[in-house]
Amino acid sequence: MNVKVLTEGLVPRTRSGRLLTFCAGIDSLTIGLFLAVPMLYFVPMLGIEAVTVGLVLSIANVAGLLSPVPFGSLADRVGPNRVYIGLMVVRATGFVSYVFVTEVVGYLVVTTVIAAATRACLPLLQVVVGEVEDESTRARTTATLRAFNNIGLTGGFLVTALAQLTGSRLGFQAAFVLDALALLSAAGAMLLIGKVTRTAPAEEDRAPRTPFRDLRFLVLTSANAILLLHDAILFVLLPLWIVRQGLPGPVGPLLLAVNTVLTVLLQITLSRNLKGVAQAARMLRRGCAFMLLSCALFLVAEHTGWALVLAAAAVVALTIGENMHTIAAWEMSYAMAPPAARGRYLSLFSAGASTELVFGPVLITAVVLPAAALGWVILAALFAAATALMIMAFRPTTTTSEVTHV
């Protein structure tokens, strides 16, 4: 790929798009540290038991699963950017509070607050992008946001690694403060975008709407969660499968690195091929085809001497498929969200996606992995069924709303 084309693709065309990309990068950088730090700081340096840290993280994840919907409803009333800024300040306060945490109760409270605020932030960025970008620039801007999500996560892991190299509590505490300052800078970037105001919505959009009564949107949300099993394949099934096949240990991290690099490149390339919501269903079908190909390659790899080569090809196919799915699902969910209730709809869609983190690992370890070769057939069937359901449920709203910045 031409480096100039890639560089230009990573830079949104609009000022608001560039500011939102900065927010996405900072957002994921802090998530990277939040994910990496528990077993490296709170267990060895504060003496909290590992099992207790695991329980705290489970409680925090439940809070994160529930938080998007109420904050999405608040965003529909007061504006998504205002709520996003408030949540970023809460997260910054949480990271500063980590400096003073010395026991389990404080760790539980702060971690739960940070997790809930973090999960609530994610769909609000999608809402703001849809509000400030028109259809011609929206796909490109969302692609750069997803690319910078991967870059930011890597940055968060590196910050954690640097803190660990210091071998002291002070190093981690400095990282917490750095994260807090970064979050406040992202809140400032959102302030620069300005308040988003809509023109008067159509009459049918004036009444409050709830996605919980929209059967099509609920089907779309549920089917999307099933398609997100591609994440469980990469992070849960792949490492276990590599061990079962007797492949060298470093193969797993290398294949994950391939996935990360390809994701950054593909988000920009694929977004150029999506010209509005009309093509979203077509991209979703193509993405499903690549995920089915990946399952077939893994299946064949179990019965040949070319396991390593076929596994690499399967990861490439899965990466293409997951990126097509992610881009298409974003467009489909946004198109089905009524303008007056986008915060609620997209927050529910985000919460639905988070359920894969709950059922995915269990399904993989309890059903797919013990089933051996049949497990890949099960996954392929789930991908095909979920894609069909999403396409059948997809029906864009006919109303639109214009936006201005003040």
Protein backbone atom coordinates (compact mmCIF):
# COMPACT_ATOMS: atom_id res chain seq x y z
CA MET A 1 0.00 0.00 0.00
CA ASN A 2 1.24 3.50 -0.90
CA VAL A 3 2.45 5.21 2.28
CA LYS A 4 1.12 8.60 1.16
CA VAL A 5 -2.33 7.14 0.52
CA LEU A 6 -2.32 5.47 3.94
CA THR A 7 -1.21 8.65 5.69
CA GLU A 8 -3.88 10.71 3.94
CA GLY A 9 -6.44 8.06 4.75
CA LEU A 10 -5.60 8.25 8.45
CA VAL A 11 -6.36 11.97 8.49
CA PRO A 12 -10.07 12.86 8.28
CA ARG A 13 -10.98 15.57 5.81
CA THR A 14 -12.92 17.70 8.29
CA ARG A 15 -11.76 19.58 11.39
CA SER A 16 -14.42 17.91 13.52
CA GLY A 17 -13.32 14.52 12.18
CA ARG A 18 -9.73 15.18 13.19
CA LEU A 19 -10.79 16.23 16.68
CA LEU A 20 -12.94 13.11 17.05
CA THR A 21 -10.05 10.93 15.89
CA PHE A 22 -7.90 12.48 18.61
CA CYS A 23 -10.62 11.64 21.15
CA ALA A 24 -10.79 8.05 19.92
CA GLY A 25 -7.02 7.62 20.20
CA ILE A 26 -6.93 8.98 23.75
CA ASP A 27 -9.98 6.94 24.69
CA SER A 28 -8.39 3.66 23.62
CA LEU A 29 -4.98 4.58 25.08
CA THR A 30 -6.55 4.83 28.53
CA ILE A 31 -8.48 1.59 27.92
CA GLY A 32 -5.19 -0.13 27.10
CA LEU A 33 -3.69 0.89 30.44
CA PHE A 34 -6.93 0.04 32.27
CA LEU A 35 -6.88 -3.49 30.82
CA ALA A 36 -3.17 -4.13 31.38
CA VAL A 37 -2.57 -2.69 34.84
CA PRO A 38 -4.65 -4.81 37.30
CA MET A 39 -2.38 -7.86 37.56
CA LEU A 40 0.79 -5.76 37.25
CA TYR A 41 0.05 -3.15 39.91
CA PHE A 42 -2.81 -3.99 42.23
CA VAL A 43 -1.73 -7.59 42.86
CA PRO A 44 2.07 -7.33 43.35
CA MET A 45 2.35 -3.75 44.60
CA LEU A 46 -0.78 -3.31 46.70
CA GLY A 47 -1.04 -6.93 47.80
CA ILE A 48 -4.63 -7.47 46.66
CA GLU A 49 -5.31 -11.15 45.94
CA ALA A 50 -5.48 -12.07 42.26
CA VAL A 51 -8.86 -13.77 42.72
CA THR A 52 -10.20 -10.59 44.35
CA VAL A 53 -8.95 -8.49 41.44
CA GLY A 54 -10.71 -10.89 39.07
CA LEU A 55 -13.96 -10.55 41.02
CA VAL A 56 -13.69 -6.75 40.99
CA LEU A 57 -13.16 -6.78 37.22
CA SER A 58 -16.23 -9.00 36.77
CA ILE A 59 -18.36 -6.59 38.81
CA ALA A 60 -16.96 -3.64 36.87
CA ASN A 61 -17.74 -5.37 33.56
CA VAL A 62 -21.35 -5.86 34.63
CA ALA A 63 -21.56 -2.13 35.41
CA GLY A 64 -20.05 -1.43 32.00
CA LEU A 65 -22.64 -3.65 30.37
CA LEU A 66 -25.51 -1.72 31.98
CA SER A 67 -24.20 1.87 31.79
CA PRO A 68 -24.54 2.79 28.07
CA VAL A 69 -28.35 2.82 27.90
CA PRO A 70 -29.10 5.37 30.69
CA PHE A 71 -26.31 7.65 29.50
CA GLY A 72 -27.56 7.28 25.93
CA SER A 73 -30.98 8.43 27.08
CA LEU A 74 -29.37 11.40 28.83
CA ALA A 75 -27.46 12.21 25.63
CA ASP A 76 -30.73 12.42 23.70
CA ARG A 77 -31.93 15.06 26.15
CA VAL A 78 -28.86 17.24 26.71
CA GLY A 79 -26.59 16.40 23.78
CA PRO A 80 -24.11 13.57 23.21
CA ASN A 81 -21.02 15.77 23.35
CA ARG A 82 -21.97 17.22 26.74
CA VAL A 83 -22.45 13.76 28.23
CA TYR A 84 -19.21 12.54 26.62
CA ILE A 85 -17.25 15.44 28.15
CA GLY A 86 -18.75 14.74 31.57
CA LEU A 87 -17.86 11.06 31.36
CA MET A 88 -14.29 11.85 30.32
CA VAL A 89 -13.92 14.06 33.40
CA VAL A 90 -15.29 11.23 35.56
CA ARG A 91 -12.78 8.80 34.05
CA ALA A 92 -9.93 11.27 34.61
CA THR A 93 -10.98 11.64 38.24
CA GLY A 94 -11.03 7.86 38.55
CA PHE A 95 -7.45 7.47 37.32
CA VAL A 96 -6.24 10.17 39.71
CA SER A 97 -8.08 8.34 42.49
CA TYR A 98 -6.08 5.19 41.70
CA VAL A 99 -3.03 7.01 43.06
CA PHE A 100 -4.64 7.04 46.51
CA VAL A 101 -6.19 3.55 46.45
CA THR A 102 -4.61 1.23 49.01
CA GLU A 103 -7.29 -1.38 49.75
CA VAL A 104 -9.97 -3.53 48.10
CA VAL A 105 -13.03 -1.33 48.68
CA GLY A 106 -11.40 1.69 47.09
CA TYR A 107 -10.21 -0.43 44.18
CA LEU A 108 -13.72 -1.82 43.67
CA VAL A 109 -15.41 1.59 43.70
CA VAL A 110 -12.93 3.34 41.42
CA THR A 111 -12.67 0.46 38.95
CA THR A 112 -16.44 0.12 38.69
CA VAL A 113 -16.86 3.85 38.06
CA ILE A 114 -14.14 3.90 35.39
CA ALA A 115 -15.55 0.81 33.64
CA ALA A 116 -19.10 2.17 33.61
CA ALA A 117 -18.01 5.57 32.30
CA THR A 118 -15.73 4.01 29.68
CA ARG A 119 -18.40 1.75 28.22
CA ALA A 120 -20.91 4.61 28.18
CA CYS A 121 -18.46 6.78 26.20
CA LEU A 122 -18.02 4.38 23.30
CA PRO A 123 -21.43 4.73 21.59
CA LEU A 124 -21.53 8.48 22.22
CA LEU A 125 -18.56 8.96 19.88
CA GLN A 126 -20.58 7.17 17.20
CA VAL A 127 -23.53 9.48 17.82
CA VAL A 128 -21.36 12.60 17.57
CA VAL A 129 -19.69 11.39 14.37
CA GLY A 130 -23.10 10.88 12.81
CA GLU A 131 -24.22 14.32 13.92
CA VAL A 132 -21.22 16.33 12.71
CA GLU A 133 -20.21 14.42 9.56
CA ASP A 134 -22.33 14.11 6.43
CA GLU A 135 -22.74 10.84 4.53
CA SER A 136 -19.82 11.58 2.20
CA THR A 137 -17.28 11.84 5.06
CA ARG A 138 -18.87 9.71 7.79
CA ALA A 139 -17.49 6.34 6.63
CA ARG A 140 -13.95 7.70 6.30
CA THR A 141 -14.06 9.39 9.71
CA THR A 142 -15.40 6.29 11.46
CA ALA A 143 -12.70 4.22 9.76
CA THR A 144 -9.97 6.48 11.13
CA LEU A 145 -11.57 6.29 14.57
CA ARG A 146 -11.36 2.51 14.51
CA ALA A 147 -7.79 2.62 13.20
CA PHE A 148 -6.76 4.96 16.00
CA ASN A 149 -8.53 2.73 18.50
CA ASN A 150 -5.98 0.02 17.67
CA ILE A 151 -3.10 2.49 17.73
CA GLY A 152 -4.28 3.91 21.05
CA LEU A 153 -4.58 0.46 22.66
CA THR A 154 -1.01 -0.28 21.66
CA GLY A 155 0.05 3.03 23.20
CA GLY A 156 -1.73 2.15 26.43
CA PHE A 157 0.07 -1.19 26.62
CA LEU A 158 3.41 0.58 26.03
CA VAL A 159 2.72 3.11 28.80
CA THR A 160 1.97 0.20 31.13
CA ALA A 161 5.19 -1.53 30.08
CA LEU A 162 7.20 1.60 30.82
CA ALA A 163 5.56 1.89 34.24
CA GLN A 164 6.42 -1.73 34.95
CA LEU A 165 10.05 -1.16 33.97
CA THR A 166 10.37 1.36 36.80
CA GLY A 167 9.57 -1.41 39.24
CA SER A 168 7.90 1.05 41.61
CA ARG A 169 4.47 2.29 42.62
CA LEU A 170 5.55 5.78 41.61
CA GLY A 171 5.95 4.68 37.99
CA PHE A 172 2.39 3.37 37.83
CA GLN A 173 1.04 6.40 39.67
CA ALA A 174 2.71 8.64 37.11
CA ALA A 175 0.98 6.61 34.38
CA PHE A 176 -2.39 7.10 36.12
CA VAL A 177 -1.88 10.87 36.20
CA LEU A 178 -0.77 10.85 32.56
CA ASP A 179 -3.96 9.00 31.62
CA ALA A 180 -6.05 11.53 33.53
CA LEU A 181 -4.42 14.45 31.72
CA ALA A 182 -4.93 12.70 28.38
CA LEU A 183 -8.64 12.21 29.12
CA LEU A 184 -9.03 15.88 30.02
CA SER A 185 -7.33 16.85 26.75
CA ALA A 186 -9.86 14.70 24.86
CA ALA A 187 -12.68 16.44 26.73
CA GLY A 188 -11.18 19.75 25.62
CA ALA A 189 -11.08 18.54 22.01
CA MET A 190 -14.77 17.70 22.21
CA LEU A 191 -15.44 21.22 23.50
CA LEU A 192 -13.76 22.61 20.37
CA ILE A 193 -16.23 20.74 18.18
CA GLY A 194 -18.99 22.85 19.62
CA LYS A 195 -22.52 22.11 20.69
CA VAL A 196 -24.54 20.03 18.25
CA THR A 197 -28.06 21.25 17.58
CA ARG A 198 -30.65 19.71 15.31
CA THR A 199 -33.32 21.30 13.22
CA ALA A 200 -36.83 20.49 14.37
CA PRO A 201 -37.38 16.75 13.88
CA ALA A 202 -40.29 15.26 12.04
CA GLU A 203 -43.49 14.89 13.98
CA GLU A 204 -43.05 11.15 14.48
CA ASP A 205 -39.64 11.78 16.09
CA ARG A 206 -40.94 14.21 18.72
CA ALA A 207 -42.31 11.48 20.95
CA PRO A 208 -39.74 9.64 23.06
CA ARG A 209 -38.80 6.33 21.47
CA THR A 210 -37.26 3.30 23.07
CA PRO A 211 -35.22 0.69 21.21
CA PHE A 212 -36.58 -1.98 23.56
CA ARG A 213 -39.87 -1.88 21.62
CA ASP A 214 -38.21 -1.93 18.21
CA LEU A 215 -38.12 -5.61 17.29
CA ARG A 216 -36.04 -5.11 14.16
CA PHE A 217 -33.38 -3.18 16.05
CA LEU A 218 -33.33 -5.80 18.81
CA VAL A 219 -32.76 -8.52 16.20
CA LEU A 220 -30.02 -6.43 14.58
CA THR A 221 -28.36 -5.93 17.97
CA SER A 222 -28.55 -9.59 18.96
CA ALA A 223 -27.27 -10.86 15.61
CA ASN A 224 -24.39 -8.38 15.73
CA ALA A 225 -23.35 -9.79 19.12
CA ILE A 226 -23.16 -13.27 17.56
CA LEU A 227 -21.00 -12.01 14.69
CA LEU A 228 -18.62 -10.51 17.24
CA LEU A 229 -17.58 -14.05 18.07
CA HIS A 230 -14.72 -13.35 15.68
CA ASP A 231 -13.12 -11.56 18.65
CA ALA A 232 -13.49 -14.68 20.81
CA ILE A 233 -11.86 -16.73 18.05
CA LEU A 234 -8.83 -14.44 18.05
CA PHE A 235 -8.35 -13.93 21.76
CA VAL A 236 -9.74 -17.13 23.31
CA LEU A 237 -9.90 -19.93 20.74
CA LEU A 238 -6.76 -19.21 18.71
CA PRO A 239 -4.25 -19.50 21.62
CA LEU A 240 -5.87 -22.75 22.80
CA TRP A 241 -6.06 -24.12 19.25
CA ILE A 242 -2.35 -23.41 18.71
CA VAL A 243 -1.50 -25.42 21.82
CA ARG A 244 -3.74 -28.28 20.71
CA GLN A 245 -2.06 -28.36 17.30
CA GLY A 246 1.40 -28.41 18.89
CA LEU A 247 2.50 -25.20 17.17
CA PRO A 248 5.25 -23.00 18.69
CA GLY A 249 4.05 -20.66 21.45
CA PRO A 250 5.13 -17.40 19.75
CA VAL A 251 2.81 -18.14 16.82
CA GLY A 252 -0.20 -16.80 18.75
CA PRO A 253 1.15 -13.30 19.48
CA LEU A 254 2.54 -13.05 15.94
CA LEU A 255 -0.84 -13.86 14.40
CA LEU A 256 -2.52 -11.32 16.69
CA ALA A 257 0.03 -8.74 15.55
CA VAL A 258 -0.91 -9.54 11.93
CA ASN A 259 -4.54 -8.95 12.85
CA THR A 260 -3.79 -5.59 14.48
CA VAL A 261 -1.67 -4.24 11.62
CA LEU A 262 -4.13 -5.41 8.97
CA THR A 263 -7.01 -3.83 10.89
CA VAL A 264 -5.35 -0.41 10.78
CA LEU A 265 -4.75 -0.75 7.03
CA LEU A 266 -8.11 -2.30 6.14
CA GLN A 267 -10.28 0.22 7.97
CA ILE A 268 -9.08 2.96 5.64
CA THR A 269 -9.20 0.87 2.46
CA LEU A 270 -12.58 -0.72 3.06
CA SER A 271 -14.25 2.53 4.13
CA ARG A 272 -13.63 3.93 0.64
CA ASN A 273 -15.78 1.14 -0.80
CA LEU A 274 -18.78 1.97 1.37
CA LYS A 275 -20.78 4.77 -0.24
CA GLY A 276 -23.68 5.20 2.14
CA VAL A 277 -25.95 2.79 3.96
CA ALA A 278 -27.27 1.23 0.74
CA GLN A 279 -24.07 -0.81 0.41
CA ALA A 280 -23.80 -1.81 4.07
CA ALA A 281 -25.73 -5.08 3.64
CA ARG A 282 -23.55 -6.03 0.66
CA MET A 283 -20.38 -5.43 2.68
CA LEU A 284 -21.80 -7.48 5.55
CA ARG A 285 -22.44 -10.43 3.22
CA ARG A 286 -18.88 -10.22 1.90
CA GLY A 287 -17.54 -10.03 5.42
CA CYS A 288 -19.50 -13.16 6.34
CA ALA A 289 -18.01 -14.96 3.31
CA PHE A 290 -14.50 -14.21 4.59
CA MET A 291 -15.40 -15.41 8.10
CA LEU A 292 -16.78 -18.66 6.64
CA LEU A 293 -13.56 -19.04 4.65
CA SER A 294 -11.58 -18.58 7.86
CA CYS A 295 -13.53 -21.34 9.60
CA ALA A 296 -12.97 -23.63 6.61
CA LEU A 297 -9.21 -22.94 6.64
CA PHE A 298 -8.97 -23.68 10.37
CA LEU A 299 -10.96 -26.88 9.82
CA VAL A 300 -8.64 -28.05 7.04
CA ALA A 301 -5.60 -27.05 9.11
CA GLU A 302 -6.55 -29.64 11.73
CA HIS A 303 -6.13 -32.45 9.22
CA THR A 304 -3.03 -31.48 7.25
CA GLY A 305 0.64 -30.86 7.84
CA TRP A 306 0.24 -27.25 6.79
CA ALA A 307 -1.35 -26.07 10.05
CA LEU A 308 0.85 -22.99 10.46
CA VAL A 309 0.40 -21.73 6.89
CA LEU A 310 -3.34 -22.37 6.90
CA ALA A 311 -3.74 -20.76 10.33
CA ALA A 312 -2.02 -17.61 9.05
CA ALA A 313 -4.31 -17.55 6.01
CA ALA A 314 -7.32 -18.12 8.27
CA VAL A 315 -6.37 -15.18 10.49
CA VAL A 316 -6.00 -12.93 7.43
CA ALA A 317 -9.43 -14.01 6.16
CA LEU A 318 -10.97 -13.53 9.60
CA THR A 319 -9.41 -10.06 9.87
CA ILE A 320 -10.88 -9.01 6.53
CA GLY A 321 -14.25 -10.40 7.55
CA GLU A 322 -14.31 -8.78 10.97
CA ASN A 323 -13.40 -5.38 9.54
CA MET A 324 -16.12 -5.60 6.87
CA HIS A 325 -18.58 -6.60 9.58
CA THR A 326 -17.55 -3.74 11.87
CA ILE A 327 -17.89 -1.09 9.16
CA ALA A 328 -21.22 -2.44 7.92
CA ALA A 329 -22.66 -2.86 11.42
CA TRP A 330 -21.78 0.76 12.29
CA GLU A 331 -23.62 2.07 9.24
CA MET A 332 -26.61 -0.23 9.74
CA SER A 333 -27.05 0.61 13.42
CA TYR A 334 -26.77 4.34 12.74
CA ALA A 335 -29.22 4.17 9.84
CA MET A 336 -31.81 2.35 11.95
CA ALA A 337 -31.58 4.76 14.88
CA PRO A 338 -34.27 7.49 14.77
CA PRO A 339 -32.66 10.96 14.94
CA ALA A 340 -34.48 11.89 18.15
CA ALA A 341 -33.38 8.70 19.91
CA ARG A 342 -29.92 7.97 18.52
CA GLY A 343 -28.28 8.06 21.92
CA ARG A 344 -30.62 5.39 23.27
CA TYR A 345 -30.50 3.21 20.17
CA LEU A 346 -26.74 3.26 19.66
CA SER A 347 -26.07 2.82 23.37
CA LEU A 348 -28.24 -0.30 23.37
CA PHE A 349 -26.39 -1.52 20.27
CA SER A 350 -23.09 -1.01 22.10
CA ALA A 351 -24.38 -2.77 25.22
CA GLY A 352 -25.55 -5.66 23.05
CA ALA A 353 -22.09 -5.93 21.55
CA SER A 354 -20.64 -6.16 25.05
CA THR A 355 -22.69 -9.29 25.78
CA GLU A 356 -20.30 -11.20 23.51
CA LEU A 357 -17.65 -10.66 26.19
CA VAL A 358 -19.91 -12.64 28.53
CA PHE A 359 -21.14 -15.54 26.38
CA GLY A 360 -18.27 -15.71 23.88
CA PRO A 361 -15.53 -17.22 26.08
CA VAL A 362 -18.00 -19.71 27.60
CA LEU A 363 -19.25 -20.82 24.18
CA ILE A 364 -15.72 -21.21 22.86
CA THR A 365 -14.32 -23.16 25.80
CA ALA A 366 -17.39 -25.25 26.67
CA VAL A 367 -18.77 -26.03 23.20
CA VAL A 368 -16.54 -25.13 20.26
CA LEU A 369 -13.16 -26.29 21.55
CA PRO A 370 -14.34 -29.72 22.85
CA ALA A 371 -16.17 -30.29 19.54
CA ALA A 372 -12.81 -30.20 17.69
CA ALA A 373 -13.41 -30.04 13.92
CA LEU A 374 -17.17 -29.80 14.41
CA GLY A 375 -16.59 -26.60 16.38
CA TRP A 376 -15.60 -24.75 13.22
CA VAL A 377 -18.83 -25.93 11.56
CA ILE A 378 -20.81 -24.59 14.52
CA LEU A 379 -19.09 -21.20 14.29
CA ALA A 380 -19.65 -21.03 10.53
CA ALA A 381 -23.34 -21.79 11.00
CA LEU A 382 -23.64 -19.07 13.64
CA PHE A 383 -21.91 -16.52 11.40
CA ALA A 384 -24.18 -17.35 8.45
CA ALA A 385 -27.37 -17.26 10.54
CA ALA A 386 -26.43 -13.99 12.26
CA THR A 387 -25.62 -12.32 8.94
CA ALA A 388 -28.96 -13.39 7.48
CA LEU A 389 -30.78 -12.04 10.54
CA MET A 390 -29.01 -8.69 10.38
CA ILE A 391 -29.85 -8.26 6.70
CA MET A 392 -33.49 -9.25 7.23
CA ALA A 393 -33.83 -6.86 10.18
CA PHE A 394 -32.13 -3.94 8.47
CA ARG A 395 -34.50 -1.13 7.56
CA PRO A 396 -33.07 2.43 7.56
CA THR A 397 -35.15 5.19 9.08
CA THR A 398 -36.60 7.56 6.49
CA THR A 399 -36.17 10.70 8.57
CA THR A 400 -32.95 12.67 8.77
CA SER A 401 -31.91 15.72 10.75
CA GLU A 402 -29.49 18.41 9.81
CA VAL A 403 -26.91 19.69 12.24
CA THR A 404 -25.13 22.95 12.92
CA HIS A 405 -22.29 23.87 15.26
CA VAL A 406 -22.40 26.79 17.61
